[in-house]
Amino acid sequence: MKIKELLGKTVLDKNAFEVGKVEDVDFDPESGTITGITLALHKNIFSKDLSGILFEDVATIGEYIILNKEIPKKDEESSDEDK
């Protein structure tokens, strides 16, 4: 699979919730291995947040990229801080 095929792919967390799309891919230039991906997180139509994910947190790559961890939504993070 080529890196350009990863760009724009939908990313799901381990609970199959859509968390965003691949915005960029980080790799080690010496070994050529992927070290991480940058996600454009869903925020609203006019803005987005970016989040880095280590490549070791990727469970599978296919039609979707599925992570082996849960990504909390921004509104969940703020409600957790209020408690």
PDB file of N, CA and C in Angstrom:
ATOM      1  N   MET A   1       0.853  -1.182   0.000  1.00  0.00           N
ATOM      2  CA  MET A   1       0.000   0.000   0.000  1.00  0.00           C
ATOM      3  C   MET A   1       0.894   1.240   0.000  1.00  0.00           C
ATOM      4  N   LYS A   2       0.545   2.191  -0.818  1.00  0.00           N
ATOM      5  CA  LYS A   2       1.288   3.438  -0.898  1.00  0.00           C
ATOM      6  C   LYS A   2       0.738   4.426   0.131  1.00  0.00           C
ATOM      7  N   ILE A   3       1.598   5.329   0.591  1.00  0.00           N
ATOM      8  CA  ILE A   3       1.197   6.310   1.598  1.00  0.00           C
ATOM      9  C   ILE A   3       0.033   7.155   1.095  1.00  0.00           C
ATOM     10  N   LYS A   4       0.044   7.525  -0.177  1.00  0.00           N
ATOM     11  CA  LYS A   4      -1.040   8.369  -0.696  1.00  0.00           C
ATOM     12  C   LYS A   4      -2.390   7.658  -0.628  1.00  0.00           C
ATOM     13  N   GLU A   5      -2.397   6.320  -0.563  1.00  0.00           N
ATOM     14  CA  GLU A   5      -3.642   5.569  -0.412  1.00  0.00           C
ATOM     15  C   GLU A   5      -4.210   5.693   1.001  1.00  0.00           C
ATOM     16  N   LEU A   6      -3.351   6.018   1.979  1.00  0.00           N
ATOM     17  CA  LEU A   6      -3.804   6.199   3.360  1.00  0.00           C
ATOM     18  C   LEU A   6      -4.460   7.560   3.573  1.00  0.00           C
ATOM     19  N   LEU A   7      -3.991   8.565   2.832  1.00  0.00           N
ATOM     20  CA  LEU A   7      -4.499   9.922   3.023  1.00  0.00           C
ATOM     21  C   LEU A   7      -5.996   9.983   2.717  1.00  0.00           C
ATOM     22  N   GLY A   8      -6.754  10.546   3.644  1.00  0.00           N
ATOM     23  CA  GLY A   8      -8.190  10.687   3.472  1.00  0.00           C
ATOM     24  C   GLY A   8      -8.994   9.477   3.948  1.00  0.00           C
ATOM     25  N   LYS A   9      -8.309   8.387   4.318  1.00  0.00           N
ATOM     26  CA  LYS A   9      -9.043   7.210   4.808  1.00  0.00           C
ATOM     27  C   LYS A   9      -9.733   7.534   6.126  1.00  0.00           C
ATOM     28  N   THR A  10     -10.910   6.970   6.310  1.00  0.00           N
ATOM     29  CA  THR A  10     -11.669   7.137   7.547  1.00  0.00           C
ATOM     30  C   THR A  10     -11.042   6.291   8.641  1.00  0.00           C
ATOM     31  N   VAL A  11     -10.925   6.877   9.836  1.00  0.00           N
ATOM     32  CA  VAL A  11     -10.329   6.194  10.986  1.00  0.00           C
ATOM     33  C   VAL A  11     -11.409   5.940  12.028  1.00  0.00           C
ATOM     34  N   LEU A  12     -11.471   4.690  12.485  1.00  0.00           N
ATOM     35  CA  LEU A  12     -12.410   4.275  13.526  1.00  0.00           C
ATOM     36  C   LEU A  12     -11.633   3.882  14.767  1.00  0.00           C
ATOM     37  N   ASP A  13     -12.194   4.182  15.953  1.00  0.00           N
ATOM     38  CA  ASP A  13     -11.536   3.715  17.170  1.00  0.00           C
ATOM     39  C   ASP A  13     -11.931   2.270  17.425  1.00  0.00           C
ATOM     40  N   LYS A  14     -11.465   1.696  18.541  1.00  0.00           N
ATOM     41  CA  LYS A  14     -11.702   0.276  18.790  1.00  0.00           C
ATOM     42  C   LYS A  14     -13.179  -0.057  18.990  1.00  0.00           C
ATOM     43  N   ASN A  15     -14.005   0.944  19.267  1.00  0.00           N
ATOM     44  CA  ASN A  15     -15.445   0.740  19.416  1.00  0.00           C
ATOM     45  C   ASN A  15     -16.206   1.009  18.125  1.00  0.00           C
ATOM     46  N   ALA A  16     -15.474   1.171  17.033  1.00  0.00           N
ATOM     47  CA  ALA A  16     -16.027   1.418  15.696  1.00  0.00           C
ATOM     48  C   ALA A  16     -16.715   2.774  15.570  1.00  0.00           C
ATOM     49  N   PHE A  17     -16.318   3.735  16.418  1.00  0.00           N
ATOM     50  CA  PHE A  17     -16.807   5.104  16.271  1.00  0.00           C
ATOM     51  C   PHE A  17     -15.863   5.845  15.333  1.00  0.00           C
ATOM     52  N   GLU A  18     -16.427   6.579  14.375  1.00  0.00           N
ATOM     53  CA  GLU A  18     -15.615   7.339  13.443  1.00  0.00           C
ATOM     54  C   GLU A  18     -14.998   8.522  14.171  1.00  0.00           C
ATOM     55  N   VAL A  19     -13.663   8.615  14.122  1.00  0.00           N
ATOM     56  CA  VAL A  19     -12.980   9.692  14.829  1.00  0.00           C
ATOM     57  C   VAL A  19     -12.391  10.736  13.894  1.00  0.00           C
ATOM     58  N   GLY A  20     -12.200  10.405  12.640  1.00  0.00           N
ATOM     59  CA  GLY A  20     -11.656  11.382  11.716  1.00  0.00           C
ATOM     60  C   GLY A  20     -11.115  10.738  10.459  1.00  0.00           C
ATOM     61  N   LYS A  21     -10.271  11.488   9.772  1.00  0.00           N
ATOM     62  CA  LYS A  21      -9.658  11.016   8.534  1.00  0.00           C
ATOM     63  C   LYS A  21      -8.155  11.267   8.593  1.00  0.00           C
ATOM     64  N   VAL A  22      -7.402  10.461   7.868  1.00  0.00           N
ATOM     65  CA  VAL A  22      -5.945  10.607   7.839  1.00  0.00           C
ATOM     66  C   VAL A  22      -5.586  11.890   7.099  1.00  0.00           C
ATOM     67  N   GLU A  23      -4.869  12.746   7.775  1.00  0.00           N
ATOM     68  CA  GLU A  23      -4.439  14.030   7.210  1.00  0.00           C
ATOM     69  C   GLU A  23      -2.992  13.942   6.711  1.00  0.00           C
ATOM     70  N   ASP A  24      -2.149  13.191   7.439  1.00  0.00           N
ATOM     71  CA  ASP A  24      -0.733  13.107   7.108  1.00  0.00           C
ATOM     72  C   ASP A  24      -0.172  11.808   7.672  1.00  0.00           C
ATOM     73  N   VAL A  25       0.959  11.384   7.154  1.00  0.00           N
ATOM     74  CA  VAL A  25       1.616  10.161   7.612  1.00  0.00           C
ATOM     75  C   VAL A  25       3.055  10.501   7.945  1.00  0.00           C
ATOM     76  N   ASP A  26       3.522  10.062   9.114  1.00  0.00           N
ATOM     77  CA  ASP A  26       4.913  10.259   9.531  1.00  0.00           C
ATOM     78  C   ASP A  26       5.662   8.948   9.324  1.00  0.00           C
ATOM     79  N   PHE A  27       6.886   9.050   8.840  1.00  0.00           N
ATOM     80  CA  PHE A  27       7.670   7.839   8.652  1.00  0.00           C
ATOM     81  C   PHE A  27       9.130   8.110   8.942  1.00  0.00           C
ATOM     82  N   ASP A  28       9.858   7.041   9.224  1.00  0.00           N
ATOM     83  CA  ASP A  28      11.290   7.111   9.468  1.00  0.00           C
ATOM     84  C   ASP A  28      11.987   7.051   8.113  1.00  0.00           C
ATOM     85  N   PRO A  29      12.682   8.124   7.704  1.00  0.00           N
ATOM     86  CA  PRO A  29      13.281   8.145   6.370  1.00  0.00           C
ATOM     87  C   PRO A  29      14.401   7.110   6.184  1.00  0.00           C
ATOM     88  N   GLU A  30      15.031   6.705   7.275  1.00  0.00           N
ATOM     89  CA  GLU A  30      16.116   5.723   7.154  1.00  0.00           C
ATOM     90  C   GLU A  30      15.584   4.320   6.887  1.00  0.00           C
ATOM     91  N   SER A  31      14.537   3.934   7.637  1.00  0.00           N
ATOM     92  CA  SER A  31      14.011   2.572   7.483  1.00  0.00           C
ATOM     93  C   SER A  31      12.813   2.509   6.538  1.00  0.00           C
ATOM     94  N   GLY A  32      12.153   3.657   6.323  1.00  0.00           N
ATOM     95  CA  GLY A  32      10.971   3.677   5.474  1.00  0.00           C
ATOM     96  C   GLY A  32       9.714   3.191   6.171  1.00  0.00           C
ATOM     97  N   THR A  33       9.789   2.950   7.477  1.00  0.00           N
ATOM     98  CA  THR A  33       8.612   2.464   8.204  1.00  0.00           C
ATOM     99  C   THR A  33       7.757   3.628   8.694  1.00  0.00           C
ATOM    100  N   ILE A  34       6.453   3.399   8.724  1.00  0.00           N
ATOM    101  CA  ILE A  34       5.518   4.405   9.215  1.00  0.00           C
ATOM    102  C   ILE A  34       5.603   4.442  10.732  1.00  0.00           C
ATOM    103  N   THR A  35       5.733   5.644  11.294  1.00  0.00           N
ATOM    104  CA  THR A  35       5.826   5.798  12.744  1.00  0.00           C
ATOM    105  C   THR A  35       4.563   6.379  13.353  1.00  0.00           C
ATOM    106  N   GLY A  36       3.770   7.078  12.556  1.00  0.00           N
ATOM    107  CA  GLY A  36       2.555   7.683  13.088  1.00  0.00           C
ATOM    108  C   GLY A  36       1.688   8.248  11.983  1.00  0.00           C
ATOM    109  N   ILE A  37       0.466   8.581  12.375  1.00  0.00           N
ATOM    110  CA  ILE A  37      -0.448   9.234  11.440  1.00  0.00           C
ATOM    111  C   ILE A  37      -1.066  10.436  12.131  1.00  0.00           C
ATOM    112  N   THR A  38      -1.375  11.448  11.358  1.00  0.00           N
ATOM    113  CA  THR A  38      -2.053  12.629  11.867  1.00  0.00           C
ATOM    114  C   THR A  38      -3.496  12.562  11.416  1.00  0.00           C
ATOM    115  N   LEU A  39      -4.406  12.672  12.385  1.00  0.00           N
ATOM    116  CA  LEU A  39      -5.837  12.614  12.091  1.00  0.00           C
ATOM    117  C   LEU A  39      -6.431  14.001  12.083  1.00  0.00           C
ATOM    118  N   ALA A  40      -7.317  14.245  11.139  1.00  0.00           N
ATOM    119  CA  ALA A  40      -8.165  15.428  11.161  1.00  0.00           C
ATOM    120  C   ALA A  40      -9.433  14.982  11.875  1.00  0.00           C
ATOM    121  N   LEU A  41      -9.585  15.410  13.130  1.00  0.00           N
ATOM    122  CA  LEU A  41     -10.725  14.994  13.944  1.00  0.00           C
ATOM    123  C   LEU A  41     -11.973  15.751  13.547  1.00  0.00           C
ATOM    124  N   HIS A  42     -13.101  15.078  13.586  1.00  0.00           N
ATOM    125  CA  HIS A  42     -14.368  15.727  13.270  1.00  0.00           C
ATOM    126  C   HIS A  42     -14.706  16.740  14.356  1.00  0.00           C
ATOM    127  N   LYS A  43     -14.901  17.961  13.957  1.00  0.00           N
ATOM    128  CA  LYS A  43     -15.293  19.010  14.887  1.00  0.00           C
ATOM    129  C   LYS A  43     -16.595  19.629  14.390  1.00  0.00           C
ATOM    130  N   ASN A  44     -16.544  20.306  13.278  1.00  0.00           N
ATOM    131  CA  ASN A  44     -17.737  20.793  12.591  1.00  0.00           C
ATOM    132  C   ASN A  44     -17.370  21.074  11.142  1.00  0.00           C
ATOM    133  N   ILE A  45     -18.291  21.595  10.393  1.00  0.00           N
ATOM    134  CA  ILE A  45     -18.087  21.783   8.955  1.00  0.00           C
ATOM    135  C   ILE A  45     -16.931  22.729   8.636  1.00  0.00           C
ATOM    136  N   PHE A  46     -16.754  23.764   9.442  1.00  0.00           N
ATOM    137  CA  PHE A  46     -15.791  24.808   9.105  1.00  0.00           C
ATOM    138  C   PHE A  46     -14.450  24.698   9.814  1.00  0.00           C
ATOM    139  N   SER A  47     -14.296  23.763  10.738  1.00  0.00           N
ATOM    140  CA  SER A  47     -13.016  23.656  11.430  1.00  0.00           C
ATOM    141  C   SER A  47     -12.725  22.206  11.788  1.00  0.00           C
ATOM    142  N   LYS A  48     -11.461  21.967  12.080  1.00  0.00           N
ATOM    143  CA  LYS A  48     -11.050  20.629  12.462  1.00  0.00           C
ATOM    144  C   LYS A  48      -9.896  20.730  13.447  1.00  0.00           C
ATOM    145  N   ASP A  49      -9.747  19.696  14.246  1.00  0.00           N
ATOM    146  CA  ASP A  49      -8.609  19.569  15.144  1.00  0.00           C
ATOM    147  C   ASP A  49      -7.732  18.455  14.597  1.00  0.00           C
ATOM    148  N   LEU A  50      -6.435  18.569  14.830  1.00  0.00           N
ATOM    149  CA  LEU A  50      -5.515  17.528  14.406  1.00  0.00           C
ATOM    150  C   LEU A  50      -5.015  16.780  15.626  1.00  0.00           C
ATOM    151  N   SER A  51      -4.819  15.484  15.473  1.00  0.00           N
ATOM    152  CA  SER A  51      -4.330  14.651  16.565  1.00  0.00           C
ATOM    153  C   SER A  51      -3.367  13.625  16.001  1.00  0.00           C
ATOM    154  N   GLY A  52      -2.259  13.413  16.699  1.00  0.00           N
ATOM    155  CA  GLY A  52      -1.278  12.418  16.274  1.00  0.00           C
ATOM    156  C   GLY A  52      -1.547  11.070  16.915  1.00  0.00           C
ATOM    157  N   ILE A  53      -1.403  10.023  16.137  1.00  0.00           N
ATOM    158  CA  ILE A  53      -1.582   8.654  16.616  1.00  0.00           C
ATOM    159  C   ILE A  53      -0.323   7.874  16.256  1.00  0.00           C
ATOM    160  N   LEU A  54       0.222   7.126  17.213  1.00  0.00           N
ATOM    161  CA  LEU A  54       1.360   6.267  16.916  1.00  0.00           C
ATOM    162  C   LEU A  54       0.906   5.119  16.028  1.00  0.00           C
ATOM    163  N   PHE A  55       1.763   4.697  15.125  1.00  0.00           N
ATOM    164  CA  PHE A  55       1.377   3.630  14.216  1.00  0.00           C
ATOM    165  C   PHE A  55       1.140   2.321  14.970  1.00  0.00           C
ATOM    166  N   GLU A  56       1.758   2.158  16.130  1.00  0.00           N
ATOM    167  CA  GLU A  56       1.529   0.948  16.929  1.00  0.00           C
ATOM    168  C   GLU A  56       0.097   0.882  17.467  1.00  0.00           C
ATOM    169  N   ASP A  57      -0.644   1.994  17.436  1.00  0.00           N
ATOM    170  CA  ASP A  57      -2.044   2.012  17.867  1.00  0.00           C
ATOM    171  C   ASP A  57      -3.012   1.627  16.747  1.00  0.00           C
ATOM    172  N   VAL A  58      -2.479   1.344  15.554  1.00  0.00           N
ATOM    173  CA  VAL A  58      -3.311   0.923  14.431  1.00  0.00           C
ATOM    174  C   VAL A  58      -3.472  -0.592  14.488  1.00  0.00           C
ATOM    175  N   ALA A  59      -4.730  -1.058  14.536  1.00  0.00           N
ATOM    176  CA  ALA A  59      -4.995  -2.494  14.572  1.00  0.00           C
ATOM    177  C   ALA A  59      -5.031  -3.076  13.164  1.00  0.00           C
ATOM    178  N   THR A  60      -5.811  -2.450  12.268  1.00  0.00           N
ATOM    179  CA  THR A  60      -5.920  -2.945  10.894  1.00  0.00           C
ATOM    180  C   THR A  60      -6.064  -1.795   9.912  1.00  0.00           C
ATOM    181  N   ILE A  61      -5.640  -2.057   8.692  1.00  0.00           N
ATOM    182  CA  ILE A  61      -5.811  -1.106   7.600  1.00  0.00           C
ATOM    183  C   ILE A  61      -6.505  -1.849   6.466  1.00  0.00           C
ATOM    184  N   GLY A  62      -7.624  -1.303   6.048  1.00  0.00           N
ATOM    185  CA  GLY A  62      -8.381  -1.876   4.938  1.00  0.00           C
ATOM    186  C   GLY A  62      -9.237  -0.781   4.353  1.00  0.00           C
ATOM    187  N   GLU A  63     -10.517  -1.043   4.221  1.00  0.00           N
ATOM    188  CA  GLU A  63     -11.448  -0.007   3.782  1.00  0.00           C
ATOM    189  C   GLU A  63     -11.402   1.174   4.762  1.00  0.00           C
ATOM    190  N   TYR A  64     -11.263   0.837   6.047  1.00  0.00           N
ATOM    191  CA  TYR A  64     -11.100   1.817   7.122  1.00  0.00           C
ATOM    192  C   TYR A  64      -9.797   1.525   7.851  1.00  0.00           C
ATOM    193  N   ILE A  65      -9.305   2.509   8.580  1.00  0.00           N
ATOM    194  CA  ILE A  65      -8.200   2.271   9.503  1.00  0.00           C
ATOM    195  C   ILE A  65      -8.832   2.130  10.875  1.00  0.00           C
ATOM    196  N   ILE A  66      -8.604   1.000  11.504  1.00  0.00           N
ATOM    197  CA  ILE A  66      -9.194   0.728  12.813  1.00  0.00           C
ATOM    198  C   ILE A  66      -8.087   0.738  13.860  1.00  0.00           C
ATOM    199  N   LEU A  67      -8.304   1.529  14.901  1.00  0.00           N
ATOM    200  CA  LEU A  67      -7.339   1.647  15.977  1.00  0.00           C
ATOM    201  C   LEU A  67      -7.609   0.594  17.053  1.00  0.00           C
ATOM    202  N   ASN A  68      -6.587   0.283  17.833  1.00  0.00           N
ATOM    203  CA  ASN A  68      -6.772  -0.638  18.948  1.00  0.00           C
ATOM    204  C   ASN A  68      -6.935   0.110  20.264  1.00  0.00           C
ATOM    205  N   LYS A  69      -7.345   1.376  20.158  1.00  0.00           N
ATOM    206  CA  LYS A  69      -7.616   2.170  21.355  1.00  0.00           C
ATOM    207  C   LYS A  69      -8.822   3.067  21.117  1.00  0.00           C
ATOM    208  N   GLU A  70      -9.339   3.589  22.205  1.00  0.00           N
ATOM    209  CA  GLU A  70     -10.500   4.470  22.153  1.00  0.00           C
ATOM    210  C   GLU A  70     -10.029   5.915  22.095  1.00  0.00           C
ATOM    211  N   ILE A  71     -10.665   6.715  21.262  1.00  0.00           N
ATOM    212  CA  ILE A  71     -10.352   8.143  21.160  1.00  0.00           C
ATOM    213  C   ILE A  71     -11.540   8.915  21.734  1.00  0.00           C
ATOM    214  N   PRO A  72     -11.346   9.590  22.887  1.00  0.00           N
ATOM    215  CA  PRO A  72     -12.470  10.352  23.447  1.00  0.00           C
ATOM    216  C   PRO A  72     -12.804  11.559  22.579  1.00  0.00           C
ATOM    217  N   LYS A  73     -14.089  11.853  22.485  1.00  0.00           N
ATOM    218  CA  LYS A  73     -14.527  13.025  21.733  1.00  0.00           C
ATOM    219  C   LYS A  73     -14.260  14.264  22.566  1.00  0.00           C
ATOM    220  N   LYS A  74     -14.105  15.415  21.895  1.00  0.00           N
ATOM    221  CA  LYS A  74     -13.791  16.670  22.595  1.00  0.00           C
ATOM    222  C   LYS A  74     -14.844  17.021  23.635  1.00  0.00           C
ATOM    223  N   ASP A  75     -16.133  16.810  23.322  1.00  0.00           N
ATOM    224  CA  ASP A  75     -17.164  17.151  24.300  1.00  0.00           C
ATOM    225  C   ASP A  75     -17.124  16.205  25.487  1.00  0.00           C
ATOM    226  N   GLU A  76     -16.666  14.947  25.289  1.00  0.00           N
ATOM    227  CA  GLU A  76     -16.522  14.019  26.414  1.00  0.00           C
ATOM    228  C   GLU A  76     -15.362  14.443  27.294  1.00  0.00           C
ATOM    229  N   GLU A  77     -14.245  14.917  26.677  1.00  0.00           N
ATOM    230  CA  GLU A  77     -13.115  15.365  27.460  1.00  0.00           C
ATOM    231  C   GLU A  77     -13.475  16.534  28.349  1.00  0.00           C
ATOM    232  N   SER A  78     -14.219  17.500  27.816  1.00  0.00           N
ATOM    233  CA  SER A  78     -14.566  18.676  28.603  1.00  0.00           C
ATOM    234  C   SER A  78     -15.563  18.314  29.707  1.00  0.00           C
ATOM    235  N   SER A  79     -16.459  17.359  29.446  1.00  0.00           N
ATOM    236  CA  SER A  79     -17.409  16.971  30.490  1.00  0.00           C
ATOM    237  C   SER A  79     -16.712  16.198  31.584  1.00  0.00           C
ATOM    238  N   ASP A  80     -15.628  15.438  31.243  1.00  0.00           N
ATOM    239  CA  ASP A  80     -14.861  14.735  32.259  1.00  0.00           C
ATOM    240  C   ASP A  80     -14.122  15.723  33.152  1.00  0.00           C
ATOM    241  N   GLU A  81     -13.645  16.830  32.570  1.00  0.00           N
ATOM    242  CA  GLU A  81     -12.928  17.830  33.352  1.00  0.00           C
ATOM    243  C   GLU A  81     -13.852  18.578  34.302  1.00  0.00           C
ATOM    244  N   ASP A  82     -15.142  18.662  33.944  1.00  0.00           N
ATOM    245  CA  ASP A  82     -16.106  19.371  34.783  1.00  0.00           C
ATOM    246  C   ASP A  82     -16.433  18.599  36.045  1.00  0.00           C
ATOM    247  N   LYS A  83     -16.171  17.300  36.048  1.00  0.00           N
ATOM    248  CA  LYS A  83     -16.539  16.457  37.194  1.00  0.00           C
ATOM    249  C   LYS A  83     -15.583  16.591  38.337  1.00  0.00           C
TER     250      LYS A  83
END
